[in-house]
Amino acid sequence: MKTKQQTILEDFTEYLNTSPLPSRVRAGASENTIRGYVHDVGDFLVWWKQTEGDDLTVEWLRRDPFALNKKTIQDYIAHLERRKAAVGTVLRKVSSLRAFTRFLKDAKLIEHEPINGMRLPTKAEPEPRGLSDRDRSRFEAVFQQPWLDRTPKRKRTDGVEKNVLEDAANRLVRDRAIVFLMMYAGPRVEEVFQLNVGDIDLKEKSGTLYIRKGKGLRERKTSIPLPARKALQKWSNVREELGFGNDKDAPLFVTLRGKPGERFAIRSMQNMVTESGKRARLEEPVTPHILRHTCAFMLRQAGVDIETRAKMLGHSIETASKYGAPGASEIEKAAALLDHAEAA
């Protein structure tokens, strides 16, 4: 024999199959979504019975539609928080209850909206992350040898094999210059895309990067660390050997296949960085922005003050404070410095 709770859950399930959800326009939802919503609402109904002493039924709501109100659901959220439910879990259950109250309103069982004005927990903003020293070492190692996805099976005498090897070697030099610039100087991928030959100034013991149109169309000038300078100098040499010229207004990074000499596209840079992470067998995908985070982490670890980091990366002080925040292990090390500081 079905319980009254089972009956209302079955009606709710049928509603999900045929009606748009609060966050959707089209009717219907995937089986996983429906299963999750029904499970969450089922948990709420169990809590309701434990709290009120009886099932929440259609008959109850017809007698007293305001029995389901904001205070009731707020109490349920407090119950979840006391049980140490994760913020994401609480928000998911509230989303399920929002769909449930929409069902009750469409069924004319309630006319109010119990979830309006709820005090909901907020997810902590995830800290920007970069590559760890170990992952960075794996990532950089990918650029030690040319990428040859299809090596000729036998020697060719017509120069084709030589051209394939040279092309791969040149692309490696260009791609290494791009990722080392992102990782050690921290420009955004859009800023790297816009760089012209005249925007870098390489000297024996220093280097300067000019960002002409940064975020918010702001210009800035920053220094280029040695690893990036070396990679850029090698690319500049190859670029000249390939006959792309030294016009200051010419694009710095260019395509080598298809239409050689055209500005290397943002999407191509993004794909190259992601492929590099895959070749390094890193667990998480690598993006140009993660390389920028890596630069921020390294600057902080090197003891660079926040004002200087902000200026180098083209950030406000507030934004710079989110990049390169100390990790748990570093906080533990800092605390350990006081282990023997007891005064008496």
C-alpha atoms as a PDB file:
ATOM      1  CA  MET A   1       0.000   0.000   0.000  1.00  0.00           C
ATOM      2  CA  LYS A   2       1.347   3.377  -0.958  1.00  0.00           C
ATOM      3  CA  THR A   3       1.976   5.991   1.690  1.00  0.00           C
ATOM      4  CA  LYS A   4       0.685   9.530   1.216  1.00  0.00           C
ATOM      5  CA  GLN A   5       4.269  10.702   0.814  1.00  0.00           C
ATOM      6  CA  GLN A   6       4.818   8.206  -1.993  1.00  0.00           C
ATOM      7  CA  THR A   7       1.711   9.528  -3.732  1.00  0.00           C
ATOM      8  CA  ILE A   8       2.823  13.165  -3.633  1.00  0.00           C
ATOM      9  CA  LEU A   9       6.305  12.153  -4.789  1.00  0.00           C
ATOM     10  CA  GLU A  10       4.817  10.241  -7.725  1.00  0.00           C
ATOM     11  CA  ASP A  11       2.798  13.306  -8.719  1.00  0.00           C
ATOM     12  CA  PHE A  12       5.945  15.418  -8.410  1.00  0.00           C
ATOM     13  CA  THR A  13       7.866  12.950 -10.600  1.00  0.00           C
ATOM     14  CA  GLU A  14       5.198  13.114 -13.291  1.00  0.00           C
ATOM     15  CA  TYR A  15       5.325  16.913 -13.107  1.00  0.00           C
ATOM     16  CA  LEU A  16       9.094  16.901 -13.670  1.00  0.00           C
ATOM     17  CA  ASN A  17       8.644  14.734 -16.752  1.00  0.00           C
ATOM     18  CA  THR A  18       6.213  17.130 -18.388  1.00  0.00           C
ATOM     19  CA  SER A  19       6.824  20.640 -17.049  1.00  0.00           C
ATOM     20  CA  PRO A  20       9.720  23.107 -17.247  1.00  0.00           C
ATOM     21  CA  LEU A  21      11.955  23.369 -14.198  1.00  0.00           C
ATOM     22  CA  PRO A  22      12.511  26.748 -12.523  1.00  0.00           C
ATOM     23  CA  SER A  23      15.856  27.142 -14.269  1.00  0.00           C
ATOM     24  CA  ARG A  24      14.758  25.720 -17.629  1.00  0.00           C
ATOM     25  CA  VAL A  25      12.562  26.837 -20.479  1.00  0.00           C
ATOM     26  CA  ARG A  26      11.762  23.557 -22.133  1.00  0.00           C
ATOM     27  CA  ALA A  27       9.612  20.904 -20.485  1.00  0.00           C
ATOM     28  CA  GLY A  28      10.999  17.683 -19.146  1.00  0.00           C
ATOM     29  CA  ALA A  29      14.298  16.825 -17.492  1.00  0.00           C
ATOM     30  CA  SER A  30      16.873  14.061 -17.657  1.00  0.00           C
ATOM     31  CA  GLU A  31      16.344  10.909 -15.633  1.00  0.00           C
ATOM     32  CA  ASN A  32      19.293  11.792 -13.388  1.00  0.00           C
ATOM     33  CA  THR A  33      17.869  15.253 -12.683  1.00  0.00           C
ATOM     34  CA  ILE A  34      14.437  13.849 -11.857  1.00  0.00           C
ATOM     35  CA  ARG A  35      15.941  11.152  -9.657  1.00  0.00           C
ATOM     36  CA  GLY A  36      17.984  13.711  -7.766  1.00  0.00           C
ATOM     37  CA  TYR A  37      15.084  16.129  -7.259  1.00  0.00           C
ATOM     38  CA  VAL A  38      12.766  13.382  -6.053  1.00  0.00           C
ATOM     39  CA  HIS A  39      15.409  12.020  -3.680  1.00  0.00           C
ATOM     40  CA  ASP A  40      16.026  15.482  -2.198  1.00  0.00           C
ATOM     41  CA  VAL A  41      12.325  16.219  -1.754  1.00  0.00           C
ATOM     42  CA  GLY A  42      11.893  12.762  -0.221  1.00  0.00           C
ATOM     43  CA  ASP A  43      14.531  13.654   2.388  1.00  0.00           C
ATOM     44  CA  PHE A  44      12.668  16.886   3.122  1.00  0.00           C
ATOM     45  CA  LEU A  45       9.372  15.026   3.568  1.00  0.00           C
ATOM     46  CA  VAL A  46      11.025  12.614   6.011  1.00  0.00           C
ATOM     47  CA  TRP A  47      12.309  15.587   8.021  1.00  0.00           C
ATOM     48  CA  TRP A  48       8.838  17.154   7.869  1.00  0.00           C
ATOM     49  CA  LYS A  49       7.216  14.057   9.367  1.00  0.00           C
ATOM     50  CA  GLN A  50       9.847  13.881  12.107  1.00  0.00           C
ATOM     51  CA  THR A  51       9.272  17.545  12.886  1.00  0.00           C
ATOM     52  CA  GLU A  52       5.481  17.838  12.484  1.00  0.00           C
ATOM     53  CA  GLY A  53       4.528  14.310  13.531  1.00  0.00           C
ATOM     54  CA  ASP A  54       2.627  13.525  10.322  1.00  0.00           C
ATOM     55  CA  ASP A  55       3.096  13.338   6.543  1.00  0.00           C
ATOM     56  CA  LEU A  56       2.907  16.413   4.353  1.00  0.00           C
ATOM     57  CA  THR A  57      -0.039  15.530   2.137  1.00  0.00           C
ATOM     58  CA  VAL A  58      -2.303  17.103  -0.466  1.00  0.00           C
ATOM     59  CA  GLU A  59      -5.108  17.109   2.112  1.00  0.00           C
ATOM     60  CA  TRP A  60      -2.929  18.943   4.639  1.00  0.00           C
ATOM     61  CA  LEU A  61      -1.973  21.643   2.127  1.00  0.00           C
ATOM     62  CA  ARG A  62      -5.608  22.096   1.072  1.00  0.00           C
ATOM     63  CA  ARG A  63      -6.531  22.672   4.703  1.00  0.00           C
ATOM     64  CA  ASP A  64      -3.531  24.897   5.460  1.00  0.00           C
ATOM     65  CA  PRO A  65      -1.447  25.922   2.422  1.00  0.00           C
ATOM     66  CA  PHE A  66       0.694  28.253   4.536  1.00  0.00           C
ATOM     67  CA  ALA A  67       1.959  25.349   6.635  1.00  0.00           C
ATOM     68  CA  LEU A  68       4.748  25.152   4.087  1.00  0.00           C
ATOM     69  CA  ASN A  69       6.420  28.514   4.546  1.00  0.00           C
ATOM     70  CA  LYS A  70       9.761  30.270   4.450  1.00  0.00           C
ATOM     71  CA  LYS A  71      10.402  29.684   8.164  1.00  0.00           C
ATOM     72  CA  THR A  72       9.805  25.944   7.741  1.00  0.00           C
ATOM     73  CA  ILE A  73      12.264  25.639   4.885  1.00  0.00           C
ATOM     74  CA  GLN A  74      14.757  27.878   6.706  1.00  0.00           C
ATOM     75  CA  ASP A  75      14.537  25.479   9.668  1.00  0.00           C
ATOM     76  CA  TYR A  76      15.240  22.597   7.283  1.00  0.00           C
ATOM     77  CA  ILE A  77      18.337  24.388   5.980  1.00  0.00           C
ATOM     78  CA  ALA A  78      19.483  24.918   9.580  1.00  0.00           C
ATOM     79  CA  HIS A  79      18.929  21.191  10.168  1.00  0.00           C
ATOM     80  CA  LEU A  80      21.147  20.351   7.186  1.00  0.00           C
ATOM     81  CA  GLU A  81      23.845  22.748   8.377  1.00  0.00           C
ATOM     82  CA  ARG A  82      23.815  21.215  11.869  1.00  0.00           C
ATOM     83  CA  ARG A  83      24.447  17.870  10.197  1.00  0.00           C
ATOM     84  CA  LYS A  84      27.500  19.422   8.502  1.00  0.00           C
ATOM     85  CA  ALA A  85      26.051  19.157   5.008  1.00  0.00           C
ATOM     86  CA  ALA A  86      28.322  20.724   2.397  1.00  0.00           C
ATOM     87  CA  VAL A  87      27.254  24.089   1.008  1.00  0.00           C
ATOM     88  CA  GLY A  88      26.856  22.560  -2.436  1.00  0.00           C
ATOM     89  CA  THR A  89      24.553  19.880  -1.015  1.00  0.00           C
ATOM     90  CA  VAL A  90      22.389  22.464   0.760  1.00  0.00           C
ATOM     91  CA  LEU A  91      22.081  24.578  -2.383  1.00  0.00           C
ATOM     92  CA  ARG A  92      21.193  21.520  -4.447  1.00  0.00           C
ATOM     93  CA  LYS A  93      18.431  20.546  -2.017  1.00  0.00           C
ATOM     94  CA  VAL A  94      17.047  24.085  -2.057  1.00  0.00           C
ATOM     95  CA  SER A  95      16.983  23.910  -5.854  1.00  0.00           C
ATOM     96  CA  SER A  96      15.003  20.666  -5.597  1.00  0.00           C
ATOM     97  CA  LEU A  97      12.575  22.268  -3.134  1.00  0.00           C
ATOM     98  CA  ARG A  98      12.162  25.214  -5.496  1.00  0.00           C
ATOM     99  CA  ALA A  99      11.019  22.776  -8.192  1.00  0.00           C
ATOM    100  CA  PHE A 100       8.728  21.133  -5.605  1.00  0.00           C
ATOM    101  CA  THR A 101       7.074  24.429  -4.642  1.00  0.00           C
ATOM    102  CA  ARG A 102       6.624  25.227  -8.332  1.00  0.00           C
ATOM    103  CA  PHE A 103       4.806  21.884  -8.647  1.00  0.00           C
ATOM    104  CA  LEU A 104       2.599  22.739  -5.640  1.00  0.00           C
ATOM    105  CA  LYS A 105       1.741  26.159  -7.085  1.00  0.00           C
ATOM    106  CA  ASP A 106       0.879  24.720 -10.505  1.00  0.00           C
ATOM    107  CA  ALA A 107      -1.304  22.146  -8.753  1.00  0.00           C
ATOM    108  CA  LYS A 108      -3.116  25.022  -6.963  1.00  0.00           C
ATOM    109  CA  LEU A 109      -2.148  23.610  -3.566  1.00  0.00           C
ATOM    110  CA  ILE A 110      -0.333  26.809  -2.569  1.00  0.00           C
ATOM    111  CA  GLU A 111      -0.366  30.326  -3.969  1.00  0.00           C
ATOM    112  CA  HIS A 112       2.666  31.800  -2.200  1.00  0.00           C
ATOM    113  CA  GLU A 113       6.360  31.217  -2.827  1.00  0.00           C
ATOM    114  CA  PRO A 114       7.959  29.744   0.320  1.00  0.00           C
ATOM    115  CA  ILE A 115      11.539  30.082  -0.919  1.00  0.00           C
ATOM    116  CA  ASN A 116      11.510  33.795  -1.759  1.00  0.00           C
ATOM    117  CA  GLY A 117      13.920  35.744   0.447  1.00  0.00           C
ATOM    118  CA  MET A 118      15.673  32.688   1.845  1.00  0.00           C
ATOM    119  CA  ARG A 119      19.003  33.111   3.640  1.00  0.00           C
ATOM    120  CA  LEU A 120      21.157  30.656   1.748  1.00  0.00           C
ATOM    121  CA  PRO A 121      24.746  29.653   2.489  1.00  0.00           C
ATOM    122  CA  THR A 122      27.274  30.803  -0.071  1.00  0.00           C
ATOM    123  CA  LYS A 123      30.050  28.781  -1.563  1.00  0.00           C
ATOM    124  CA  ALA A 124      33.509  29.995  -0.733  1.00  0.00           C
ATOM    125  CA  GLU A 125      35.096  31.477  -3.837  1.00  0.00           C
ATOM    126  CA  PRO A 126      37.661  28.963  -5.049  1.00  0.00           C
ATOM    127  CA  GLU A 127      41.205  30.203  -4.819  1.00  0.00           C
ATOM    128  CA  PRO A 128      42.881  30.656  -8.189  1.00  0.00           C
ATOM    129  CA  ARG A 129      45.213  27.754  -8.693  1.00  0.00           C
ATOM    130  CA  GLY A 130      48.407  27.318 -10.628  1.00  0.00           C
ATOM    131  CA  LEU A 131      50.722  24.432 -11.377  1.00  0.00           C
ATOM    132  CA  SER A 132      52.649  22.991  -8.469  1.00  0.00           C
ATOM    133  CA  ASP A 133      56.424  22.879  -8.815  1.00  0.00           C
ATOM    134  CA  ARG A 134      56.219  19.184  -9.672  1.00  0.00           C
ATOM    135  CA  ASP A 135      53.515  19.668 -12.298  1.00  0.00           C
ATOM    136  CA  ARG A 136      55.327  22.676 -13.723  1.00  0.00           C
ATOM    137  CA  SER A 137      58.454  20.541 -14.143  1.00  0.00           C
ATOM    138  CA  ARG A 138      56.449  17.898 -16.020  1.00  0.00           C
ATOM    139  CA  PHE A 139      54.790  20.582 -18.129  1.00  0.00           C
ATOM    140  CA  GLU A 140      58.074  22.247 -19.109  1.00  0.00           C
ATOM    141  CA  ALA A 141      59.640  18.874 -19.965  1.00  0.00           C
ATOM    142  CA  VAL A 142      57.074  18.473 -22.759  1.00  0.00           C
ATOM    143  CA  PHE A 143      58.881  21.254 -24.658  1.00  0.00           C
ATOM    144  CA  GLN A 144      62.277  19.542 -24.714  1.00  0.00           C
ATOM    145  CA  GLN A 145      61.606  17.502 -27.846  1.00  0.00           C
ATOM    146  CA  PRO A 146      59.516  18.251 -30.975  1.00  0.00           C
ATOM    147  CA  TRP A 147      56.059  16.736 -31.104  1.00  0.00           C
ATOM    148  CA  LEU A 148      56.029  14.101 -33.824  1.00  0.00           C
ATOM    149  CA  ASP A 149      52.614  12.478 -33.855  1.00  0.00           C
ATOM    150  CA  ARG A 150      53.295  10.638 -37.110  1.00  0.00           C
ATOM    151  CA  THR A 151      56.914   9.741 -37.710  1.00  0.00           C
ATOM    152  CA  PRO A 152      57.670   8.463 -41.237  1.00  0.00           C
ATOM    153  CA  LYS A 153      58.012   4.676 -41.221  1.00  0.00           C
ATOM    154  CA  ARG A 154      60.931   4.662 -43.632  1.00  0.00           C
ATOM    155  CA  LYS A 155      63.610   7.003 -44.825  1.00  0.00           C
ATOM    156  CA  ARG A 156      62.602   9.411 -47.542  1.00  0.00           C
ATOM    157  CA  THR A 157      65.077  10.780 -50.039  1.00  0.00           C
ATOM    158  CA  ASP A 158      62.960  13.635 -51.361  1.00  0.00           C
ATOM    159  CA  GLY A 159      63.396  15.893 -48.335  1.00  0.00           C
ATOM    160  CA  VAL A 160      59.864  15.336 -46.997  1.00  0.00           C
ATOM    161  CA  GLU A 161      61.038  13.756 -43.738  1.00  0.00           C
ATOM    162  CA  LYS A 162      63.502  16.570 -43.165  1.00  0.00           C
ATOM    163  CA  ASN A 163      60.766  19.153 -43.680  1.00  0.00           C
ATOM    164  CA  VAL A 164      58.486  17.386 -41.183  1.00  0.00           C
ATOM    165  CA  LEU A 165      61.230  17.381 -38.556  1.00  0.00           C
ATOM    166  CA  GLU A 166      62.129  21.015 -39.174  1.00  0.00           C
ATOM    167  CA  ASP A 167      58.503  22.093 -39.044  1.00  0.00           C
ATOM    168  CA  ALA A 168      57.985  20.287 -35.739  1.00  0.00           C
ATOM    169  CA  ALA A 169      61.169  21.789 -34.301  1.00  0.00           C
ATOM    170  CA  ASN A 170      60.135  25.321 -35.296  1.00  0.00           C
ATOM    171  CA  ARG A 171      56.673  24.884 -33.823  1.00  0.00           C
ATOM    172  CA  LEU A 172      58.233  23.649 -30.601  1.00  0.00           C
ATOM    173  CA  VAL A 173      60.361  26.800 -30.344  1.00  0.00           C
ATOM    174  CA  ARG A 174      57.334  29.036 -30.963  1.00  0.00           C
ATOM    175  CA  ASP A 175      55.058  27.158 -28.553  1.00  0.00           C
ATOM    176  CA  ARG A 176      57.726  27.072 -25.848  1.00  0.00           C
ATOM    177  CA  ALA A 177      58.128  30.839 -26.154  1.00  0.00           C
ATOM    178  CA  ILE A 178      54.360  31.308 -25.776  1.00  0.00           C
ATOM    179  CA  VAL A 179      53.911  29.121 -22.695  1.00  0.00           C
ATOM    180  CA  PHE A 180      57.089  30.324 -20.983  1.00  0.00           C
ATOM    181  CA  LEU A 181      56.003  33.930 -21.523  1.00  0.00           C
ATOM    182  CA  MET A 182      52.564  33.173 -20.032  1.00  0.00           C
ATOM    183  CA  MET A 183      53.998  31.216 -17.126  1.00  0.00           C
ATOM    184  CA  TYR A 184      56.897  33.465 -16.170  1.00  0.00           C
ATOM    185  CA  ALA A 185      55.612  36.954 -17.089  1.00  0.00           C
ATOM    186  CA  GLY A 186      51.880  36.356 -16.611  1.00  0.00           C
ATOM    187  CA  PRO A 187      50.200  38.042 -19.615  1.00  0.00           C
ATOM    188  CA  ARG A 188      46.655  37.003 -20.518  1.00  0.00           C
ATOM    189  CA  VAL A 189      46.197  34.908 -23.651  1.00  0.00           C
ATOM    190  CA  GLU A 190      44.470  37.852 -25.379  1.00  0.00           C
ATOM    191  CA  GLU A 191      47.487  40.026 -24.588  1.00  0.00           C
ATOM    192  CA  VAL A 192      49.895  37.431 -25.981  1.00  0.00           C
ATOM    193  CA  PHE A 193      47.799  37.195 -29.128  1.00  0.00           C
ATOM    194  CA  GLN A 194      48.060  40.964 -29.686  1.00  0.00           C
ATOM    195  CA  LEU A 195      51.832  41.168 -29.217  1.00  0.00           C
ATOM    196  CA  ASN A 196      53.878  42.607 -32.062  1.00  0.00           C
ATOM    197  CA  VAL A 197      57.612  42.271 -32.608  1.00  0.00           C
ATOM    198  CA  GLY A 198      58.167  45.751 -31.198  1.00  0.00           C
ATOM    199  CA  ASP A 199      56.400  44.887 -27.940  1.00  0.00           C
ATOM    200  CA  ILE A 200      59.318  42.895 -26.562  1.00  0.00           C
ATOM    201  CA  ASP A 201      62.764  44.247 -25.852  1.00  0.00           C
ATOM    202  CA  LEU A 202      65.317  41.529 -25.109  1.00  0.00           C
ATOM    203  CA  LYS A 203      68.731  42.312 -23.689  1.00  0.00           C
ATOM    204  CA  GLU A 204      71.485  40.137 -22.246  1.00  0.00           C
ATOM    205  CA  LYS A 205      70.467  40.624 -18.613  1.00  0.00           C
ATOM    206  CA  SER A 206      66.969  42.033 -18.864  1.00  0.00           C
ATOM    207  CA  GLY A 207      63.855  42.070 -20.958  1.00  0.00           C
ATOM    208  CA  THR A 208      60.769  44.229 -21.214  1.00  0.00           C
ATOM    209  CA  LEU A 209      57.247  43.327 -22.259  1.00  0.00           C
ATOM    210  CA  TYR A 210      54.898  46.089 -23.418  1.00  0.00           C
ATOM    211  CA  ILE A 211      51.178  45.366 -23.191  1.00  0.00           C
ATOM    212  CA  ARG A 212      49.506  47.915 -25.462  1.00  0.00           C
ATOM    213  CA  LYS A 213      45.886  46.872 -24.937  1.00  0.00           C
ATOM    214  CA  GLY A 214      45.461  45.003 -21.670  1.00  0.00           C
ATOM    215  CA  LYS A 215      42.210  44.379 -19.819  1.00  0.00           C
ATOM    216  CA  GLY A 216      40.162  47.567 -19.811  1.00  0.00           C
ATOM    217  CA  LEU A 217      42.396  48.846 -22.632  1.00  0.00           C
ATOM    218  CA  ARG A 218      45.043  49.686 -20.034  1.00  0.00           C
ATOM    219  CA  GLU A 219      48.678  49.726 -21.071  1.00  0.00           C
ATOM    220  CA  ARG A 220      51.427  48.364 -18.855  1.00  0.00           C
ATOM    221  CA  LYS A 221      55.087  47.494 -18.973  1.00  0.00           C
ATOM    222  CA  THR A 222      56.649  44.568 -17.150  1.00  0.00           C
ATOM    223  CA  SER A 223      59.953  42.725 -16.997  1.00  0.00           C
ATOM    224  CA  ILE A 224      60.549  39.317 -18.533  1.00  0.00           C
ATOM    225  CA  PRO A 225      62.275  36.681 -16.357  1.00  0.00           C
ATOM    226  CA  LEU A 226      65.228  34.751 -17.771  1.00  0.00           C
ATOM    227  CA  PRO A 227      63.425  31.480 -18.695  1.00  0.00           C
ATOM    228  CA  ALA A 228      60.965  33.421 -20.845  1.00  0.00           C
ATOM    229  CA  ARG A 229      63.699  35.665 -22.282  1.00  0.00           C
ATOM    230  CA  LYS A 230      65.691  32.649 -23.431  1.00  0.00           C
ATOM    231  CA  ALA A 231      62.637  31.074 -25.047  1.00  0.00           C
ATOM    232  CA  LEU A 232      61.658  34.341 -26.729  1.00  0.00           C
ATOM    233  CA  GLN A 233      65.176  34.964 -28.037  1.00  0.00           C
ATOM    234  CA  LYS A 234      65.263  31.523 -29.609  1.00  0.00           C
ATOM    235  CA  TRP A 235      61.885  32.126 -31.225  1.00  0.00           C
ATOM    236  CA  SER A 236      63.035  35.520 -32.507  1.00  0.00           C
ATOM    237  CA  ASN A 237      66.023  33.833 -34.155  1.00  0.00           C
ATOM    238  CA  VAL A 238      63.850  31.146 -35.758  1.00  0.00           C
ATOM    239  CA  ARG A 239      61.285  33.713 -36.811  1.00  0.00           C
ATOM    240  CA  GLU A 240      63.997  35.694 -38.617  1.00  0.00           C
ATOM    241  CA  GLU A 241      65.431  32.558 -40.246  1.00  0.00           C
ATOM    242  CA  LEU A 242      61.974  31.729 -41.596  1.00  0.00           C
ATOM    243  CA  GLY A 243      61.832  35.126 -43.277  1.00  0.00           C
ATOM    244  CA  PHE A 244      58.995  36.741 -41.318  1.00  0.00           C
ATOM    245  CA  GLY A 245      60.948  39.974 -40.940  1.00  0.00           C
ATOM    246  CA  ASN A 246      61.592  42.339 -38.048  1.00  0.00           C
ATOM    247  CA  ASP A 247      58.919  44.957 -38.698  1.00  0.00           C
ATOM    248  CA  LYS A 248      57.954  46.255 -35.247  1.00  0.00           C
ATOM    249  CA  ASP A 249      54.262  46.189 -36.158  1.00  0.00           C
ATOM    250  CA  ALA A 250      54.348  42.587 -37.397  1.00  0.00           C
ATOM    251  CA  PRO A 251      52.713  39.915 -35.195  1.00  0.00           C
ATOM    252  CA  LEU A 252      55.193  38.295 -32.812  1.00  0.00           C
ATOM    253  CA  PHE A 253      53.648  34.826 -32.848  1.00  0.00           C
ATOM    254  CA  VAL A 254      52.624  33.544 -36.261  1.00  0.00           C
ATOM    255  CA  THR A 255      51.245  30.410 -37.844  1.00  0.00           C
ATOM    256  CA  LEU A 256      53.718  28.047 -39.462  1.00  0.00           C
ATOM    257  CA  ARG A 257      51.231  25.870 -41.304  1.00  0.00           C
ATOM    258  CA  GLY A 258      48.233  26.700 -43.468  1.00  0.00           C
ATOM    259  CA  LYS A 259      48.874  30.416 -44.035  1.00  0.00           C
ATOM    260  CA  PRO A 260      52.382  31.007 -42.642  1.00  0.00           C
ATOM    261  CA  GLY A 261      52.953  34.456 -41.205  1.00  0.00           C
ATOM    262  CA  GLU A 262      49.408  35.127 -40.024  1.00  0.00           C
ATOM    263  CA  ARG A 263      48.884  36.017 -36.362  1.00  0.00           C
ATOM    264  CA  PHE A 264      48.664  32.851 -34.269  1.00  0.00           C
ATOM    265  CA  ALA A 265      45.020  32.604 -33.139  1.00  0.00           C
ATOM    266  CA  ILE A 266      43.856  32.671 -29.525  1.00  0.00           C
ATOM    267  CA  ARG A 267      42.006  29.375 -29.941  1.00  0.00           C
ATOM    268  CA  SER A 268      45.151  27.770 -31.340  1.00  0.00           C
ATOM    269  CA  MET A 269      47.141  28.972 -28.313  1.00  0.00           C
ATOM    270  CA  GLN A 270      44.504  27.607 -25.948  1.00  0.00           C
ATOM    271  CA  ASN A 271      44.443  24.247 -27.711  1.00  0.00           C
ATOM    272  CA  MET A 272      48.240  24.054 -27.690  1.00  0.00           C
ATOM    273  CA  VAL A 273      48.411  24.733 -23.937  1.00  0.00           C
ATOM    274  CA  THR A 274      45.712  22.141 -23.214  1.00  0.00           C
ATOM    275  CA  GLU A 275      47.465  19.566 -25.406  1.00  0.00           C
ATOM    276  CA  SER A 276      50.728  20.294 -23.552  1.00  0.00           C
ATOM    277  CA  GLY A 277      49.053  19.439 -20.260  1.00  0.00           C
ATOM    278  CA  LYS A 278      47.744  16.184 -21.712  1.00  0.00           C
ATOM    279  CA  ARG A 279      51.196  15.247 -22.982  1.00  0.00           C
ATOM    280  CA  ALA A 280      52.601  15.954 -19.504  1.00  0.00           C
ATOM    281  CA  ARG A 281      49.895  13.581 -18.162  1.00  0.00           C
ATOM    282  CA  LEU A 282      48.660  16.115 -15.652  1.00  0.00           C
ATOM    283  CA  GLU A 283      45.438  15.195 -13.897  1.00  0.00           C
ATOM    284  CA  GLU A 284      43.706  18.568 -14.354  1.00  0.00           C
ATOM    285  CA  PRO A 285      43.344  20.398 -17.700  1.00  0.00           C
ATOM    286  CA  VAL A 286      45.838  23.214 -18.230  1.00  0.00           C
ATOM    287  CA  THR A 287      44.708  26.557 -19.653  1.00  0.00           C
ATOM    288  CA  PRO A 288      46.511  29.843 -20.360  1.00  0.00           C
ATOM    289  CA  HIS A 289      44.842  31.319 -17.269  1.00  0.00           C
ATOM    290  CA  ILE A 290      46.293  28.549 -15.098  1.00  0.00           C
ATOM    291  CA  LEU A 291      49.733  29.490 -16.423  1.00  0.00           C
ATOM    292  CA  ARG A 292      48.970  33.068 -15.353  1.00  0.00           C
ATOM    293  CA  HIS A 293      48.004  31.790 -11.889  1.00  0.00           C
ATOM    294  CA  THR A 294      51.285  29.864 -11.822  1.00  0.00           C
ATOM    295  CA  CYS A 295      53.184  33.086 -12.412  1.00  0.00           C
ATOM    296  CA  ALA A 296      51.331  34.739  -9.510  1.00  0.00           C
ATOM    297  CA  PHE A 297      52.137  31.840  -7.187  1.00  0.00           C
ATOM    298  CA  MET A 298      55.816  31.900  -8.102  1.00  0.00           C
ATOM    299  CA  LEU A 299      56.018  35.652  -7.559  1.00  0.00           C
ATOM    300  CA  ARG A 300      54.477  35.350  -4.111  1.00  0.00           C
ATOM    301  CA  GLN A 301      56.717  32.413  -3.196  1.00  0.00           C
ATOM    302  CA  ALA A 302      59.700  34.527  -4.242  1.00  0.00           C
ATOM    303  CA  GLY A 303      58.636  37.187  -1.722  1.00  0.00           C
ATOM    304  CA  VAL A 304      57.398  39.786  -4.229  1.00  0.00           C
ATOM    305  CA  ASP A 305      55.080  42.266  -2.487  1.00  0.00           C
ATOM    306  CA  ILE A 306      51.444  42.449  -3.499  1.00  0.00           C
ATOM    307  CA  GLU A 307      51.689  45.933  -5.048  1.00  0.00           C
ATOM    308  CA  THR A 308      54.453  44.813  -7.405  1.00  0.00           C
ATOM    309  CA  ARG A 309      52.607  41.614  -8.292  1.00  0.00           C
ATOM    310  CA  ALA A 310      49.494  43.625  -9.076  1.00  0.00           C
ATOM    311  CA  LYS A 311      51.391  45.968 -11.387  1.00  0.00           C
ATOM    312  CA  MET A 312      53.188  43.134 -13.175  1.00  0.00           C
ATOM    313  CA  LEU A 313      49.977  41.212 -13.818  1.00  0.00           C
ATOM    314  CA  GLY A 314      47.760  44.201 -14.559  1.00  0.00           C
ATOM    315  CA  HIS A 315      45.526  43.697 -11.511  1.00  0.00           C
ATOM    316  CA  SER A 316      44.002  45.795  -8.780  1.00  0.00           C
ATOM    317  CA  ILE A 317      45.382  45.151  -5.288  1.00  0.00           C
ATOM    318  CA  GLU A 318      42.106  43.435  -4.378  1.00  0.00           C
ATOM    319  CA  THR A 319      42.318  41.062  -7.325  1.00  0.00           C
ATOM    320  CA  ALA A 320      46.019  40.438  -6.806  1.00  0.00           C
ATOM    321  CA  SER A 321      45.301  39.343  -3.242  1.00  0.00           C
ATOM    322  CA  LYS A 322      43.273  36.427  -4.622  1.00  0.00           C
ATOM    323  CA  TYR A 323      46.105  35.239  -6.833  1.00  0.00           C
ATOM    324  CA  GLY A 324      48.909  33.378  -5.223  1.00  0.00           C
ATOM    325  CA  ALA A 325      47.250  33.075  -1.812  1.00  0.00           C
ATOM    326  CA  PRO A 326      49.254  30.944   0.651  1.00  0.00           C
ATOM    327  CA  GLY A 327      48.345  27.271   0.615  1.00  0.00           C
ATOM    328  CA  ALA A 328      47.622  25.110   3.660  1.00  0.00           C
ATOM    329  CA  SER A 329      51.150  23.666   3.728  1.00  0.00           C
ATOM    330  CA  GLU A 330      52.695  27.138   3.705  1.00  0.00           C
ATOM    331  CA  ILE A 331      50.407  28.302   6.501  1.00  0.00           C
ATOM    332  CA  GLU A 332      51.483  25.266   8.538  1.00  0.00           C
ATOM    333  CA  LYS A 333      55.141  26.132   7.957  1.00  0.00           C
ATOM    334  CA  ALA A 334      54.497  29.726   9.014  1.00  0.00           C
ATOM    335  CA  ALA A 335      52.784  28.569  12.194  1.00  0.00           C
ATOM    336  CA  ALA A 336      55.654  26.203  12.932  1.00  0.00           C
ATOM    337  CA  LEU A 337      57.973  29.207  13.136  1.00  0.00           C
ATOM    338  CA  LEU A 338      56.274  30.019  16.451  1.00  0.00           C
ATOM    339  CA  ASP A 339      56.559  26.503  17.894  1.00  0.00           C
ATOM    340  CA  HIS A 340      59.437  27.578  20.145  1.00  0.00           C
ATOM    341  CA  ALA A 341      58.407  31.165  20.721  1.00  0.00           C
ATOM    342  CA  GLU A 342      56.946  30.545  24.168  1.00  0.00           C
ATOM    343  CA  ALA A 343      58.174  33.300  26.464  1.00  0.00           C
ATOM    344  CA  ALA A 344      57.952  31.458  29.776  1.00  0.00           C
END
